[in-house]
Amino acid sequence: MSQLTTILAAAETHVELPMPTWAFGAIAIVTFLALLGVLFSYRDVANRHSHRSAADAASHAGAPGATHHGTGHPTQGH
């Protein structure tokens, strides 16, 4: 039993981290904020180019399932 504990104790090594532990979290937060900025830059891109897609939208207006419901729900006498 003592030989097993000696081998396990010898195999156990201490690895020094290259930076403090809080720095790993800070790097992760900065990375995700940068990715959020990239994602946010694509916000509303389709509406910026409506002049290019207007003809395509008009051709799909009569497609099956493209029903138009008017201005909203009718009132029920309230």
PDB file of N, CA and C in Angstrom:
ATOM      1  N   MET A   1       0.817  -1.189   0.000  1.00  0.00           N
ATOM      2  CA  MET A   1       0.000   0.000   0.000  1.00  0.00           C
ATOM      3  C   MET A   1       0.859   1.250   0.000  1.00  0.00           C
ATOM      4  N   SER A   2       2.015   1.186   0.645  1.00  0.00           N
ATOM      5  CA  SER A   2       2.862   2.368   0.719  1.00  0.00           C
ATOM      6  C   SER A   2       3.509   2.683  -0.634  1.00  0.00           C
ATOM      7  N   GLN A   3       3.711   1.665  -1.452  1.00  0.00           N
ATOM      8  CA  GLN A   3       4.289   1.912  -2.768  1.00  0.00           C
ATOM      9  C   GLN A   3       3.274   2.650  -3.650  1.00  0.00           C
ATOM     10  N   LEU A   4       1.973   2.309  -3.546  1.00  0.00           N
ATOM     11  CA  LEU A   4       0.925   2.983  -4.308  1.00  0.00           C
ATOM     12  C   LEU A   4       0.807   4.441  -3.898  1.00  0.00           C
ATOM     13  N   THR A   5       0.852   4.716  -2.628  1.00  0.00           N
ATOM     14  CA  THR A   5       0.766   6.105  -2.176  1.00  0.00           C
ATOM     15  C   THR A   5       1.997   6.901  -2.582  1.00  0.00           C
ATOM     16  N   THR A   6       3.144   6.269  -2.613  1.00  0.00           N
ATOM     17  CA  THR A   6       4.367   6.936  -3.053  1.00  0.00           C
ATOM     18  C   THR A   6       4.287   7.289  -4.536  1.00  0.00           C
ATOM     19  N   ILE A   7       3.769   6.380  -5.338  1.00  0.00           N
ATOM     20  CA  ILE A   7       3.635   6.629  -6.778  1.00  0.00           C
ATOM     21  C   ILE A   7       2.617   7.737  -7.027  1.00  0.00           C
ATOM     22  N   LEU A   8       1.490   7.700  -6.327  1.00  0.00           N
ATOM     23  CA  LEU A   8       0.471   8.730  -6.496  1.00  0.00           C
ATOM     24  C   LEU A   8       0.970  10.097  -6.037  1.00  0.00           C
ATOM     25  N   ALA A   9       1.741  10.137  -4.970  1.00  0.00           N
ATOM     26  CA  ALA A   9       2.281  11.403  -4.491  1.00  0.00           C
ATOM     27  C   ALA A   9       3.311  11.955  -5.462  1.00  0.00           C
ATOM     28  N   ALA A  10       4.061  11.096  -6.092  1.00  0.00           N
ATOM     29  CA  ALA A  10       5.063  11.547  -7.051  1.00  0.00           C
ATOM     30  C   ALA A  10       4.412  12.030  -8.339  1.00  0.00           C
ATOM     31  N   ALA A  11       3.289  11.438  -8.716  1.00  0.00           N
ATOM     32  CA  ALA A  11       2.605  11.811  -9.946  1.00  0.00           C
ATOM     33  C   ALA A  11       1.855  13.131  -9.789  1.00  0.00           C
ATOM     34  N   GLU A  12       1.552  13.505  -8.579  1.00  0.00           N
ATOM     35  CA  GLU A  12       0.806  14.731  -8.340  1.00  0.00           C
ATOM     36  C   GLU A  12       1.759  15.922  -8.435  1.00  0.00           C
ATOM     37  N   THR A  13       1.532  16.756  -9.427  1.00  0.00           N
ATOM     38  CA  THR A  13       2.386  17.929  -9.599  1.00  0.00           C
ATOM     39  C   THR A  13       1.543  19.185  -9.542  1.00  0.00           C
ATOM     40  N   HIS A  14       2.148  20.265  -9.179  1.00  0.00           N
ATOM     41  CA  HIS A  14       1.463  21.542  -9.091  1.00  0.00           C
ATOM     42  C   HIS A  14       1.812  22.363 -10.327  1.00  0.00           C
ATOM     43  N   VAL A  15       0.783  22.773 -11.062  1.00  0.00           N
ATOM     44  CA  VAL A  15       0.989  23.555 -12.278  1.00  0.00           C
ATOM     45  C   VAL A  15       0.674  25.012 -11.969  1.00  0.00           C
ATOM     46  N   GLU A  16       1.597  25.882 -12.220  1.00  0.00           N
ATOM     47  CA  GLU A  16       1.407  27.314 -11.997  1.00  0.00           C
ATOM     48  C   GLU A  16       0.663  27.906 -13.194  1.00  0.00           C
ATOM     49  N   LEU A  17      -0.400  28.643 -12.932  1.00  0.00           N
ATOM     50  CA  LEU A  17      -1.154  29.283 -14.008  1.00  0.00           C
ATOM     51  C   LEU A  17      -0.363  30.470 -14.547  1.00  0.00           C
ATOM     52  N   PRO A  18      -0.506  30.761 -15.834  1.00  0.00           N
ATOM     53  CA  PRO A  18       0.267  31.860 -16.414  1.00  0.00           C
ATOM     54  C   PRO A  18      -0.218  33.249 -16.002  1.00  0.00           C
ATOM     55  N   MET A  19      -1.422  33.345 -15.420  1.00  0.00           N
ATOM     56  CA  MET A  19      -1.965  34.623 -14.964  1.00  0.00           C
ATOM     57  C   MET A  19      -2.955  34.361 -13.841  1.00  0.00           C
ATOM     58  N   PRO A  20      -3.375  35.393 -13.131  1.00  0.00           N
ATOM     59  CA  PRO A  20      -4.343  35.181 -12.045  1.00  0.00           C
ATOM     60  C   PRO A  20      -5.666  34.626 -12.578  1.00  0.00           C
ATOM     61  N   THR A  21      -6.401  33.969 -11.709  1.00  0.00           N
ATOM     62  CA  THR A  21      -7.640  33.319 -12.143  1.00  0.00           C
ATOM     63  C   THR A  21      -8.689  34.318 -12.615  1.00  0.00           C
ATOM     64  N   TRP A  22      -8.729  35.507 -12.014  1.00  0.00           N
ATOM     65  CA  TRP A  22      -9.721  36.496 -12.436  1.00  0.00           C
ATOM     66  C   TRP A  22      -9.454  36.975 -13.864  1.00  0.00           C
ATOM     67  N   ALA A  23      -8.227  36.882 -14.331  1.00  0.00           N
ATOM     68  CA  ALA A  23      -7.897  37.330 -15.686  1.00  0.00           C
ATOM     69  C   ALA A  23      -8.543  36.430 -16.742  1.00  0.00           C
ATOM     70  N   PHE A  24      -8.696  35.150 -16.452  1.00  0.00           N
ATOM     71  CA  PHE A  24      -9.363  34.259 -17.396  1.00  0.00           C
ATOM     72  C   PHE A  24     -10.826  34.682 -17.579  1.00  0.00           C
ATOM     73  N   GLY A  25     -11.485  35.022 -16.486  1.00  0.00           N
ATOM     74  CA  GLY A  25     -12.861  35.502 -16.574  1.00  0.00           C
ATOM     75  C   GLY A  25     -12.955  36.823 -17.311  1.00  0.00           C
ATOM     76  N   ALA A  26     -12.007  37.725 -17.066  1.00  0.00           N
ATOM     77  CA  ALA A  26     -12.016  39.019 -17.748  1.00  0.00           C
ATOM     78  C   ALA A  26     -11.819  38.848 -19.251  1.00  0.00           C
ATOM     79  N   ILE A  27     -10.941  37.931 -19.640  1.00  0.00           N
ATOM     80  CA  ILE A  27     -10.725  37.665 -21.064  1.00  0.00           C
ATOM     81  C   ILE A  27     -11.997  37.111 -21.696  1.00  0.00           C
ATOM     82  N   ALA A  28     -12.675  36.222 -20.991  1.00  0.00           N
ATOM     83  CA  ALA A  28     -13.918  35.647 -21.516  1.00  0.00           C
ATOM     84  C   ALA A  28     -14.985  36.728 -21.682  1.00  0.00           C
ATOM     85  N   ILE A  29     -15.126  37.600 -20.705  1.00  0.00           N
ATOM     86  CA  ILE A  29     -16.135  38.665 -20.786  1.00  0.00           C
ATOM     87  C   ILE A  29     -15.826  39.606 -21.944  1.00  0.00           C
ATOM     88  N   VAL A  30     -14.574  40.003 -22.089  1.00  0.00           N
ATOM     89  CA  VAL A  30     -14.190  40.895 -23.191  1.00  0.00           C
ATOM     90  C   VAL A  30     -14.433  40.219 -24.536  1.00  0.00           C
ATOM     91  N   THR A  31     -14.137  38.937 -24.644  1.00  0.00           N
ATOM     92  CA  THR A  31     -14.368  38.208 -25.890  1.00  0.00           C
ATOM     93  C   THR A  31     -15.841  38.158 -26.235  1.00  0.00           C
ATOM     94  N   PHE A  32     -16.683  37.846 -25.252  1.00  0.00           N
ATOM     95  CA  PHE A  32     -18.116  37.781 -25.518  1.00  0.00           C
ATOM     96  C   PHE A  32     -18.705  39.154 -25.821  1.00  0.00           C
ATOM     97  N   LEU A  33     -18.193  40.202 -25.207  1.00  0.00           N
ATOM     98  CA  LEU A  33     -18.660  41.548 -25.529  1.00  0.00           C
ATOM     99  C   LEU A  33     -18.260  41.943 -26.947  1.00  0.00           C
ATOM    100  N   ALA A  34     -17.077  41.529 -27.380  1.00  0.00           N
ATOM    101  CA  ALA A  34     -16.658  41.795 -28.761  1.00  0.00           C
ATOM    102  C   ALA A  34     -17.553  41.047 -29.745  1.00  0.00           C
ATOM    103  N   LEU A  35     -17.876  39.801 -29.435  1.00  0.00           N
ATOM    104  CA  LEU A  35     -18.778  39.041 -30.303  1.00  0.00           C
ATOM    105  C   LEU A  35     -20.182  39.637 -30.304  1.00  0.00           C
ATOM    106  N   LEU A  36     -20.619  40.160 -29.178  1.00  0.00           N
ATOM    107  CA  LEU A  36     -21.913  40.839 -29.113  1.00  0.00           C
ATOM    108  C   LEU A  36     -21.899  42.081 -29.990  1.00  0.00           C
ATOM    109  N   GLY A  37     -20.790  42.797 -30.019  1.00  0.00           N
ATOM    110  CA  GLY A  37     -20.674  43.960 -30.894  1.00  0.00           C
ATOM    111  C   GLY A  37     -20.777  43.584 -32.360  1.00  0.00           C
ATOM    112  N   VAL A  38     -20.157  42.470 -32.738  1.00  0.00           N
ATOM    113  CA  VAL A  38     -20.258  41.996 -34.124  1.00  0.00           C
ATOM    114  C   VAL A  38     -21.694  41.618 -34.436  1.00  0.00           C
ATOM    115  N   LEU A  39     -22.339  40.916 -33.536  1.00  0.00           N
ATOM    116  CA  LEU A  39     -23.730  40.533 -33.737  1.00  0.00           C
ATOM    117  C   LEU A  39     -24.632  41.756 -33.818  1.00  0.00           C
ATOM    118  N   PHE A  40     -24.386  42.732 -32.986  1.00  0.00           N
ATOM    119  CA  PHE A  40     -25.200  43.949 -32.961  1.00  0.00           C
ATOM    120  C   PHE A  40     -25.014  44.769 -34.242  1.00  0.00           C
ATOM    121  N   SER A  41     -23.864  44.655 -34.884  1.00  0.00           N
ATOM    122  CA  SER A  41     -23.628  45.415 -36.107  1.00  0.00           C
ATOM    123  C   SER A  41     -24.500  44.923 -37.261  1.00  0.00           C
ATOM    124  N   TYR A  42     -25.009  43.710 -37.183  1.00  0.00           N
ATOM    125  CA  TYR A  42     -25.893  43.186 -38.215  1.00  0.00           C
ATOM    126  C   TYR A  42     -27.367  43.459 -37.930  1.00  0.00           C
ATOM    127  N   ARG A  43     -27.642  44.240 -36.910  1.00  0.00           N
ATOM    128  CA  ARG A  43     -29.017  44.562 -36.534  1.00  0.00           C
ATOM    129  C   ARG A  43     -29.683  45.369 -37.644  1.00  0.00           C
ATOM    130  N   ASP A  44     -30.854  44.971 -38.051  1.00  0.00           N
ATOM    131  CA  ASP A  44     -31.702  45.693 -38.995  1.00  0.00           C
ATOM    132  C   ASP A  44     -31.078  45.832 -40.387  1.00  0.00           C
ATOM    133  N   VAL A  45     -30.242  44.901 -40.789  1.00  0.00           N
ATOM    134  CA  VAL A  45     -29.590  44.985 -42.097  1.00  0.00           C
ATOM    135  C   VAL A  45     -30.606  44.816 -43.221  1.00  0.00           C
ATOM    136  N   ALA A  46     -31.586  43.957 -43.032  1.00  0.00           N
ATOM    137  CA  ALA A  46     -32.560  43.706 -44.097  1.00  0.00           C
ATOM    138  C   ALA A  46     -33.364  44.962 -44.422  1.00  0.00           C
ATOM    139  N   ASN A  47     -33.671  45.764 -43.438  1.00  0.00           N
ATOM    140  CA  ASN A  47     -34.452  46.972 -43.686  1.00  0.00           C
ATOM    141  C   ASN A  47     -33.619  48.086 -44.307  1.00  0.00           C
ATOM    142  N   ARG A  48     -32.320  48.009 -44.241  1.00  0.00           N
ATOM    143  CA  ARG A  48     -31.466  49.016 -44.864  1.00  0.00           C
ATOM    144  C   ARG A  48     -31.473  48.891 -46.378  1.00  0.00           C
ATOM    145  N   HIS A  49     -31.810  47.718 -46.884  1.00  0.00           N
ATOM    146  CA  HIS A  49     -31.766  47.469 -48.318  1.00  0.00           C
ATOM    147  C   HIS A  49     -33.157  47.157 -48.853  1.00  0.00           C
ATOM    148  N   SER A  50     -34.156  47.893 -48.407  1.00  0.00           N
ATOM    149  CA  SER A  50     -35.527  47.598 -48.827  1.00  0.00           C
ATOM    150  C   SER A  50     -35.736  47.874 -50.310  1.00  0.00           C
ATOM    151  N   HIS A  51     -34.979  48.810 -50.896  1.00  0.00           N
ATOM    152  CA  HIS A  51     -35.141  49.084 -52.322  1.00  0.00           C
ATOM    153  C   HIS A  51     -34.737  47.883 -53.173  1.00  0.00           C
ATOM    154  N   ARG A  52     -33.876  47.048 -52.675  1.00  0.00           N
ATOM    155  CA  ARG A  52     -33.465  45.865 -53.420  1.00  0.00           C
ATOM    156  C   ARG A  52     -34.449  44.711 -53.260  1.00  0.00           C
ATOM    157  N   SER A  53     -35.125  44.659 -52.133  1.00  0.00           N
ATOM    158  CA  SER A  53     -36.004  43.521 -51.877  1.00  0.00           C
ATOM    159  C   SER A  53     -37.476  43.842 -52.112  1.00  0.00           C
ATOM    160  N   ALA A  54     -37.820  45.063 -52.503  1.00  0.00           N
ATOM    161  CA  ALA A  54     -39.225  45.425 -52.682  1.00  0.00           C
ATOM    162  C   ALA A  54     -39.868  44.614 -53.807  1.00  0.00           C
ATOM    163  N   ALA A  55     -39.177  44.447 -54.913  1.00  0.00           N
ATOM    164  CA  ALA A  55     -39.747  43.681 -56.027  1.00  0.00           C
ATOM    165  C   ALA A  55     -39.919  42.221 -55.649  1.00  0.00           C
ATOM    166  N   ASP A  56     -38.979  41.677 -54.901  1.00  0.00           N
ATOM    167  CA  ASP A  56     -39.067  40.289 -54.470  1.00  0.00           C
ATOM    168  C   ASP A  56     -40.225  40.100 -53.497  1.00  0.00           C
ATOM    169  N   ALA A  57     -40.421  41.046 -52.601  1.00  0.00           N
ATOM    170  CA  ALA A  57     -41.530  40.952 -51.651  1.00  0.00           C
ATOM    171  C   ALA A  57     -42.864  41.062 -52.360  1.00  0.00           C
ATOM    172  N   ALA A  58     -42.947  41.890 -53.394  1.00  0.00           N
ATOM    173  CA  ALA A  58     -44.198  42.035 -54.134  1.00  0.00           C
ATOM    174  C   ALA A  58     -44.532  40.759 -54.897  1.00  0.00           C
ATOM    175  N   SER A  59     -43.522  40.081 -55.402  1.00  0.00           N
ATOM    176  CA  SER A  59     -43.797  38.850 -56.144  1.00  0.00           C
ATOM    177  C   SER A  59     -44.232  37.719 -55.224  1.00  0.00           C
ATOM    178  N   HIS A  60     -43.858  37.770 -53.961  1.00  0.00           N
ATOM    179  CA  HIS A  60     -44.255  36.739 -53.016  1.00  0.00           C
ATOM    180  C   HIS A  60     -45.559  37.073 -52.301  1.00  0.00           C
ATOM    181  N   ALA A  61     -46.121  38.223 -52.538  1.00  0.00           N
ATOM    182  CA  ALA A  61     -47.338  38.628 -51.829  1.00  0.00           C
ATOM    183  C   ALA A  61     -48.523  37.741 -52.183  1.00  0.00           C
ATOM    184  N   GLY A  62     -48.551  37.205 -53.383  1.00  0.00           N
ATOM    185  CA  GLY A  62     -49.660  36.351 -53.797  1.00  0.00           C
ATOM    186  C   GLY A  62     -49.393  34.875 -53.592  1.00  0.00           C
ATOM    187  N   ALA A  63     -48.318  34.536 -52.901  1.00  0.00           N
ATOM    188  CA  ALA A  63     -47.963  33.132 -52.692  1.00  0.00           C
ATOM    189  C   ALA A  63     -48.966  32.466 -51.758  1.00  0.00           C
ATOM    190  N   PRO A  64     -49.127  31.147 -51.882  1.00  0.00           N
ATOM    191  CA  PRO A  64     -50.033  30.437 -50.983  1.00  0.00           C
ATOM    192  C   PRO A  64     -49.586  30.591 -49.527  1.00  0.00           C
ATOM    193  N   GLY A  65     -50.514  30.921 -48.698  1.00  0.00           N
ATOM    194  CA  GLY A  65     -50.203  31.108 -47.287  1.00  0.00           C
ATOM    195  C   GLY A  65     -49.851  32.539 -46.938  1.00  0.00           C
ATOM    196  N   ALA A  66     -49.720  33.403 -47.931  1.00  0.00           N
ATOM    197  CA  ALA A  66     -49.404  34.807 -47.668  1.00  0.00           C
ATOM    198  C   ALA A  66     -50.701  35.585 -47.580  1.00  0.00           C
ATOM    199  N   THR A  67     -51.419  35.368 -46.524  1.00  0.00           N
ATOM    200  CA  THR A  67     -52.702  36.040 -46.361  1.00  0.00           C
ATOM    201  C   THR A  67     -52.505  37.381 -45.676  1.00  0.00           C
ATOM    202  N   HIS A  68     -53.350  38.300 -46.028  1.00  0.00           N
ATOM    203  CA  HIS A  68     -53.303  39.622 -45.430  1.00  0.00           C
ATOM    204  C   HIS A  68     -54.551  39.782 -44.578  1.00  0.00           C
ATOM    205  N   HIS A  69     -54.373  40.217 -43.383  1.00  0.00           N
ATOM    206  CA  HIS A  69     -55.479  40.294 -42.440  1.00  0.00           C
ATOM    207  C   HIS A  69     -56.000  41.705 -42.257  1.00  0.00           C
ATOM    208  N   GLY A  70     -55.641  42.600 -43.095  1.00  0.00           N
ATOM    209  CA  GLY A  70     -56.148  43.961 -42.988  1.00  0.00           C
ATOM    210  C   GLY A  70     -55.420  44.759 -41.919  1.00  0.00           C
ATOM    211  N   THR A  71     -56.169  45.576 -41.214  1.00  0.00           N
ATOM    212  CA  THR A  71     -55.535  46.473 -40.239  1.00  0.00           C
ATOM    213  C   THR A  71     -55.538  45.913 -38.830  1.00  0.00           C
ATOM    214  N   GLY A  72     -56.081  44.751 -38.630  1.00  0.00           N
ATOM    215  CA  GLY A  72     -56.074  44.174 -37.300  1.00  0.00           C
ATOM    216  C   GLY A  72     -57.330  43.393 -37.025  1.00  0.00           C
ATOM    217  N   HIS A  73     -57.568  43.091 -35.793  1.00  0.00           N
ATOM    218  CA  HIS A  73     -58.747  42.313 -35.405  1.00  0.00           C
ATOM    219  C   HIS A  73     -59.977  43.202 -35.392  1.00  0.00           C
ATOM    220  N   PRO A  74     -61.100  42.699 -35.901  1.00  0.00           N
ATOM    221  CA  PRO A  74     -62.319  43.507 -35.869  1.00  0.00           C
ATOM    222  C   PRO A  74     -62.842  43.616 -34.425  1.00  0.00           C
ATOM    223  N   THR A  75     -63.478  44.703 -34.159  1.00  0.00           N
ATOM    224  CA  THR A  75     -64.083  44.867 -32.836  1.00  0.00           C
ATOM    225  C   THR A  75     -65.314  43.999 -32.731  1.00  0.00           C
ATOM    226  N   GLN A  76     -65.600  43.534 -31.538  1.00  0.00           N
ATOM    227  CA  GLN A  76     -66.736  42.632 -31.354  1.00  0.00           C
ATOM    228  C   GLN A  76     -67.862  43.310 -30.598  1.00  0.00           C
ATOM    229  N   GLY A  77     -68.111  44.548 -30.913  1.00  0.00           N
ATOM    230  CA  GLY A  77     -69.242  45.259 -30.327  1.00  0.00           C
ATOM    231  C   GLY A  77     -68.998  45.740 -28.910  1.00  0.00           C
ATOM    232  N   HIS A  78     -67.776  45.929 -28.517  1.00  0.00           N
ATOM    233  CA  HIS A  78     -67.492  46.399 -27.160  1.00  0.00           C
ATOM    234  C   HIS A  78     -67.556  47.883 -27.093  1.00  0.00           C
TER     235      HIS A  78
END
